[in-house]
Amino acid sequence: MIIACNENCIYQEEGVCKLNYATFSSGTPLGTCPYFKEKKKEEKNKDGI
């Protein structure tokens, strides 16, 4: 099953939810998704890369 997703979630990749199994709720659901977990911004190293 393909589930479209455009949220900033750790399970979202290229507009599709990549969570392959049911797990415990994140405790901070977004909309109708109980598994939403916000994706952290990648930190740049000291050289700005």
PDB file of N, CA and C in Angstrom:
ATOM      1  N   MET A   1       0.837  -1.164   0.000  1.00  0.00           N
ATOM      2  CA  MET A   1       0.000   0.000   0.000  1.00  0.00           C
ATOM      3  C   MET A   1       0.893   1.241   0.000  1.00  0.00           C
ATOM      4  N   ILE A   2       0.589   2.198  -0.852  1.00  0.00           N
ATOM      5  CA  ILE A   2       1.339   3.445  -0.911  1.00  0.00           C
ATOM      6  C   ILE A   2       0.539   4.527  -0.202  1.00  0.00           C
ATOM      7  N   ILE A   3       1.186   5.185   0.750  1.00  0.00           N
ATOM      8  CA  ILE A   3       0.547   6.265   1.499  1.00  0.00           C
ATOM      9  C   ILE A   3       1.301   7.555   1.191  1.00  0.00           C
ATOM     10  N   ALA A   4       0.609   8.489   0.536  1.00  0.00           N
ATOM     11  CA  ALA A   4       1.219   9.776   0.211  1.00  0.00           C
ATOM     12  C   ALA A   4       1.430  10.581   1.489  1.00  0.00           C
ATOM     13  N   CYS A   5       2.569  11.273   1.567  1.00  0.00           N
ATOM     14  CA  CYS A   5       2.889  12.074   2.743  1.00  0.00           C
ATOM     15  C   CYS A   5       3.818  13.208   2.329  1.00  0.00           C
ATOM     16  N   ASN A   6       3.517  14.426   2.804  1.00  0.00           N
ATOM     17  CA  ASN A   6       4.407  15.542   2.510  1.00  0.00           C
ATOM     18  C   ASN A   6       4.818  16.267   3.787  1.00  0.00           C
ATOM     19  N   GLU A   7       4.702  15.579   4.927  1.00  0.00           N
ATOM     20  CA  GLU A   7       5.064  16.161   6.213  1.00  0.00           C
ATOM     21  C   GLU A   7       6.566  16.024   6.469  1.00  0.00           C
ATOM     22  N   ASN A   8       7.096  16.827   7.379  1.00  0.00           N
ATOM     23  CA  ASN A   8       8.503  16.761   7.766  1.00  0.00           C
ATOM     24  C   ASN A   8       8.656  15.651   8.813  1.00  0.00           C
ATOM     25  N   CYS A   9       8.514  14.423   8.380  1.00  0.00           N
ATOM     26  CA  CYS A   9       8.490  13.255   9.256  1.00  0.00           C
ATOM     27  C   CYS A   9       9.653  12.321   8.927  1.00  0.00           C
ATOM     28  N   ILE A  10      10.182  11.646   9.934  1.00  0.00           N
ATOM     29  CA  ILE A  10      11.306  10.724   9.707  1.00  0.00           C
ATOM     30  C   ILE A  10      10.935   9.568   8.796  1.00  0.00           C
ATOM     31  N   TYR A  11       9.650   9.252   8.687  1.00  0.00           N
ATOM     32  CA  TYR A  11       9.209   8.141   7.838  1.00  0.00           C
ATOM     33  C   TYR A  11       8.899   8.567   6.404  1.00  0.00           C
ATOM     34  N   GLN A  12       8.860   9.885   6.120  1.00  0.00           N
ATOM     35  CA  GLN A  12       8.531  10.390   4.790  1.00  0.00           C
ATOM     36  C   GLN A  12       9.775  10.439   3.932  1.00  0.00           C
ATOM     37  N   GLU A  13       9.655   9.884   2.728  1.00  0.00           N
ATOM     38  CA  GLU A  13      10.760   9.905   1.778  1.00  0.00           C
ATOM     39  C   GLU A  13      10.193  10.076   0.384  1.00  0.00           C
ATOM     40  N   GLU A  14      10.589  11.142  -0.291  1.00  0.00           N
ATOM     41  CA  GLU A  14      10.138  11.433  -1.654  1.00  0.00           C
ATOM     42  C   GLU A  14       8.620  11.442  -1.764  1.00  0.00           C
ATOM     43  N   GLY A  15       7.929  11.993  -0.750  1.00  0.00           N
ATOM     44  CA  GLY A  15       6.479  12.137  -0.799  1.00  0.00           C
ATOM     45  C   GLY A  15       5.682  10.902  -0.444  1.00  0.00           C
ATOM     46  N   VAL A  16       6.361   9.872   0.066  1.00  0.00           N
ATOM     47  CA  VAL A  16       5.696   8.614   0.416  1.00  0.00           C
ATOM     48  C   VAL A  16       6.084   8.208   1.834  1.00  0.00           C
ATOM     49  N   CYS A  17       5.131   7.670   2.582  1.00  0.00           N
ATOM     50  CA  CYS A  17       5.418   7.167   3.920  1.00  0.00           C
ATOM     51  C   CYS A  17       6.156   5.841   3.799  1.00  0.00           C
ATOM     52  N   LYS A  18       7.319   5.749   4.409  1.00  0.00           N
ATOM     53  CA  LYS A  18       8.146   4.542   4.333  1.00  0.00           C
ATOM     54  C   LYS A  18       8.079   3.688   5.592  1.00  0.00           C
ATOM     55  N   LEU A  19       7.119   3.973   6.492  1.00  0.00           N
ATOM     56  CA  LEU A  19       6.946   3.150   7.689  1.00  0.00           C
ATOM     57  C   LEU A  19       6.365   1.809   7.240  1.00  0.00           C
ATOM     58  N   ASN A  20       7.085   0.731   7.465  1.00  0.00           N
ATOM     59  CA  ASN A  20       6.691  -0.576   6.946  1.00  0.00           C
ATOM     60  C   ASN A  20       5.909  -1.436   7.930  1.00  0.00           C
ATOM     61  N   TYR A  21       5.713  -0.955   9.150  1.00  0.00           N
ATOM     62  CA  TYR A  21       5.036  -1.775  10.145  1.00  0.00           C
ATOM     63  C   TYR A  21       4.329  -0.874  11.149  1.00  0.00           C
ATOM     64  N   ALA A  22       3.289  -1.387  11.761  1.00  0.00           N
ATOM     65  CA  ALA A  22       2.588  -0.639  12.800  1.00  0.00           C
ATOM     66  C   ALA A  22       3.407  -0.698  14.078  1.00  0.00           C
ATOM     67  N   THR A  23       3.450   0.398  14.777  1.00  0.00           N
ATOM     68  CA  THR A  23       4.212   0.486  16.014  1.00  0.00           C
ATOM     69  C   THR A  23       3.407   1.313  17.007  1.00  0.00           C
ATOM     70  N   PHE A  24       3.981   1.615  18.153  1.00  0.00           N
ATOM     71  CA  PHE A  24       3.287   2.441  19.131  1.00  0.00           C
ATOM     72  C   PHE A  24       3.115   3.853  18.585  1.00  0.00           C
ATOM     73  N   SER A  25       2.067   4.520  19.004  1.00  0.00           N
ATOM     74  CA  SER A  25       1.818   5.891  18.612  1.00  0.00           C
ATOM     75  C   SER A  25       2.968   6.782  19.074  1.00  0.00           C
ATOM     76  N   SER A  26       3.256   7.815  18.308  1.00  0.00           N
ATOM     77  CA  SER A  26       4.340   8.738  18.654  1.00  0.00           C
ATOM     78  C   SER A  26       3.987   9.605  19.848  1.00  0.00           C
ATOM     79  N   GLY A  27       2.702   9.676  20.189  1.00  0.00           N
ATOM     80  CA  GLY A  27       2.278  10.519  21.300  1.00  0.00           C
ATOM     81  C   GLY A  27       2.058  11.961  20.882  1.00  0.00           C
ATOM     82  N   THR A  28       2.549  12.324  19.700  1.00  0.00           N
ATOM     83  CA  THR A  28       2.338  13.670  19.155  1.00  0.00           C
ATOM     84  C   THR A  28       1.866  13.545  17.711  1.00  0.00           C
ATOM     85  N   PRO A  29       0.685  12.962  17.509  1.00  0.00           N
ATOM     86  CA  PRO A  29       0.206  12.739  16.140  1.00  0.00           C
ATOM     87  C   PRO A  29      -0.068  14.046  15.403  1.00  0.00           C
ATOM     88  N   LEU A  30       0.058  14.004  14.108  1.00  0.00           N
ATOM     89  CA  LEU A  30      -0.222  15.147  13.252  1.00  0.00           C
ATOM     90  C   LEU A  30      -1.382  14.768  12.348  1.00  0.00           C
ATOM     91  N   GLY A  31      -2.454  15.528  12.410  1.00  0.00           N
ATOM     92  CA  GLY A  31      -3.609  15.227  11.570  1.00  0.00           C
ATOM     93  C   GLY A  31      -4.134  13.837  11.850  1.00  0.00           C
ATOM     94  N   THR A  32      -4.153  13.007  10.839  1.00  0.00           N
ATOM     95  CA  THR A  32      -4.671  11.647  10.997  1.00  0.00           C
ATOM     96  C   THR A  32      -3.567  10.603  11.150  1.00  0.00           C
ATOM     97  N   CYS A  33      -2.307  11.032  11.299  1.00  0.00           N
ATOM     98  CA  CYS A  33      -1.198  10.081  11.403  1.00  0.00           C
ATOM     99  C   CYS A  33      -0.717   9.939  12.846  1.00  0.00           C
ATOM    100  N   PRO A  34      -0.928   8.783  13.451  1.00  0.00           N
ATOM    101  CA  PRO A  34      -0.483   8.592  14.835  1.00  0.00           C
ATOM    102  C   PRO A  34       1.011   8.291  14.956  1.00  0.00           C
ATOM    103  N   TYR A  35       1.710   8.128  13.828  1.00  0.00           N
ATOM    104  CA  TYR A  35       3.123   7.754  13.852  1.00  0.00           C
ATOM    105  C   TYR A  35       4.063   8.900  13.508  1.00  0.00           C
ATOM    106  N   PHE A  36       3.532  10.114  13.352  1.00  0.00           N
ATOM    107  CA  PHE A  36       4.352  11.263  12.970  1.00  0.00           C
ATOM    108  C   PHE A  36       5.458  11.516  13.980  1.00  0.00           C
ATOM    109  N   LYS A  37       6.682  11.624  13.478  1.00  0.00           N
ATOM    110  CA  LYS A  37       7.842  12.026  14.284  1.00  0.00           C
ATOM    111  C   LYS A  37       8.604  13.031  13.439  1.00  0.00           C
ATOM    112  N   GLU A  38       8.771  14.239  13.981  1.00  0.00           N
ATOM    113  CA  GLU A  38       9.402  15.303  13.221  1.00  0.00           C
ATOM    114  C   GLU A  38      10.842  14.969  12.864  1.00  0.00           C
ATOM    115  N   LYS A  39      11.194  15.239  11.610  1.00  0.00           N
ATOM    116  CA  LYS A  39      12.553  15.026  11.121  1.00  0.00           C
ATOM    117  C   LYS A  39      13.400  16.211  11.560  1.00  0.00           C
ATOM    118  N   LYS A  40      14.506  15.945  12.208  1.00  0.00           N
ATOM    119  CA  LYS A  40      15.414  16.997  12.667  1.00  0.00           C
ATOM    120  C   LYS A  40      16.194  17.550  11.482  1.00  0.00           C
ATOM    121  N   LYS A  41      16.491  18.839  11.523  1.00  0.00           N
ATOM    122  CA  LYS A  41      17.319  19.435  10.482  1.00  0.00           C
ATOM    123  C   LYS A  41      18.739  18.917  10.629  1.00  0.00           C
ATOM    124  N   GLU A  42      19.371  18.658   9.500  1.00  0.00           N
ATOM    125  CA  GLU A  42      20.763  18.195   9.525  1.00  0.00           C
ATOM    126  C   GLU A  42      21.649  19.368   9.880  1.00  0.00           C
ATOM    127  N   GLU A  43      22.563  19.138  10.813  1.00  0.00           N
ATOM    128  CA  GLU A  43      23.476  20.195  11.233  1.00  0.00           C
ATOM    129  C   GLU A  43      24.681  20.240  10.313  1.00  0.00           C
ATOM    130  N   LYS A  44      25.112  21.444   9.991  1.00  0.00           N
ATOM    131  CA  LYS A  44      26.303  21.612   9.178  1.00  0.00           C
ATOM    132  C   LYS A  44      27.538  21.452  10.053  1.00  0.00           C
ATOM    133  N   ASN A  45      28.604  20.943   9.464  1.00  0.00           N
ATOM    134  CA  ASN A  45      29.847  20.828  10.245  1.00  0.00           C
ATOM    135  C   ASN A  45      30.519  22.192  10.361  1.00  0.00           C
ATOM    136  N   LYS A  46      31.649  22.277  11.004  1.00  0.00           N
ATOM    137  CA  LYS A  46      32.299  23.573  11.253  1.00  0.00           C
ATOM    138  C   LYS A  46      32.719  24.290   9.988  1.00  0.00           C
ATOM    139  N   ASP A  47      32.859  23.571   8.855  1.00  0.00           N
ATOM    140  CA  ASP A  47      33.231  24.189   7.585  1.00  0.00           C
ATOM    141  C   ASP A  47      32.002  24.679   6.814  1.00  0.00           C
ATOM    142  N   GLY A  48      30.797  24.486   7.380  1.00  0.00           N
ATOM    143  CA  GLY A  48      29.577  24.942   6.723  1.00  0.00           C
ATOM    144  C   GLY A  48      29.076  24.009   5.652  1.00  0.00           C
ATOM    145  N   ILE A  49      29.566  22.784   5.647  1.00  0.00           N
ATOM    146  CA  ILE A  49      29.175  21.806   4.628  1.00  0.00           C
ATOM    147  C   ILE A  49      28.129  20.871   5.204  1.00  0.00           C
TER     148      ILE A  49
END
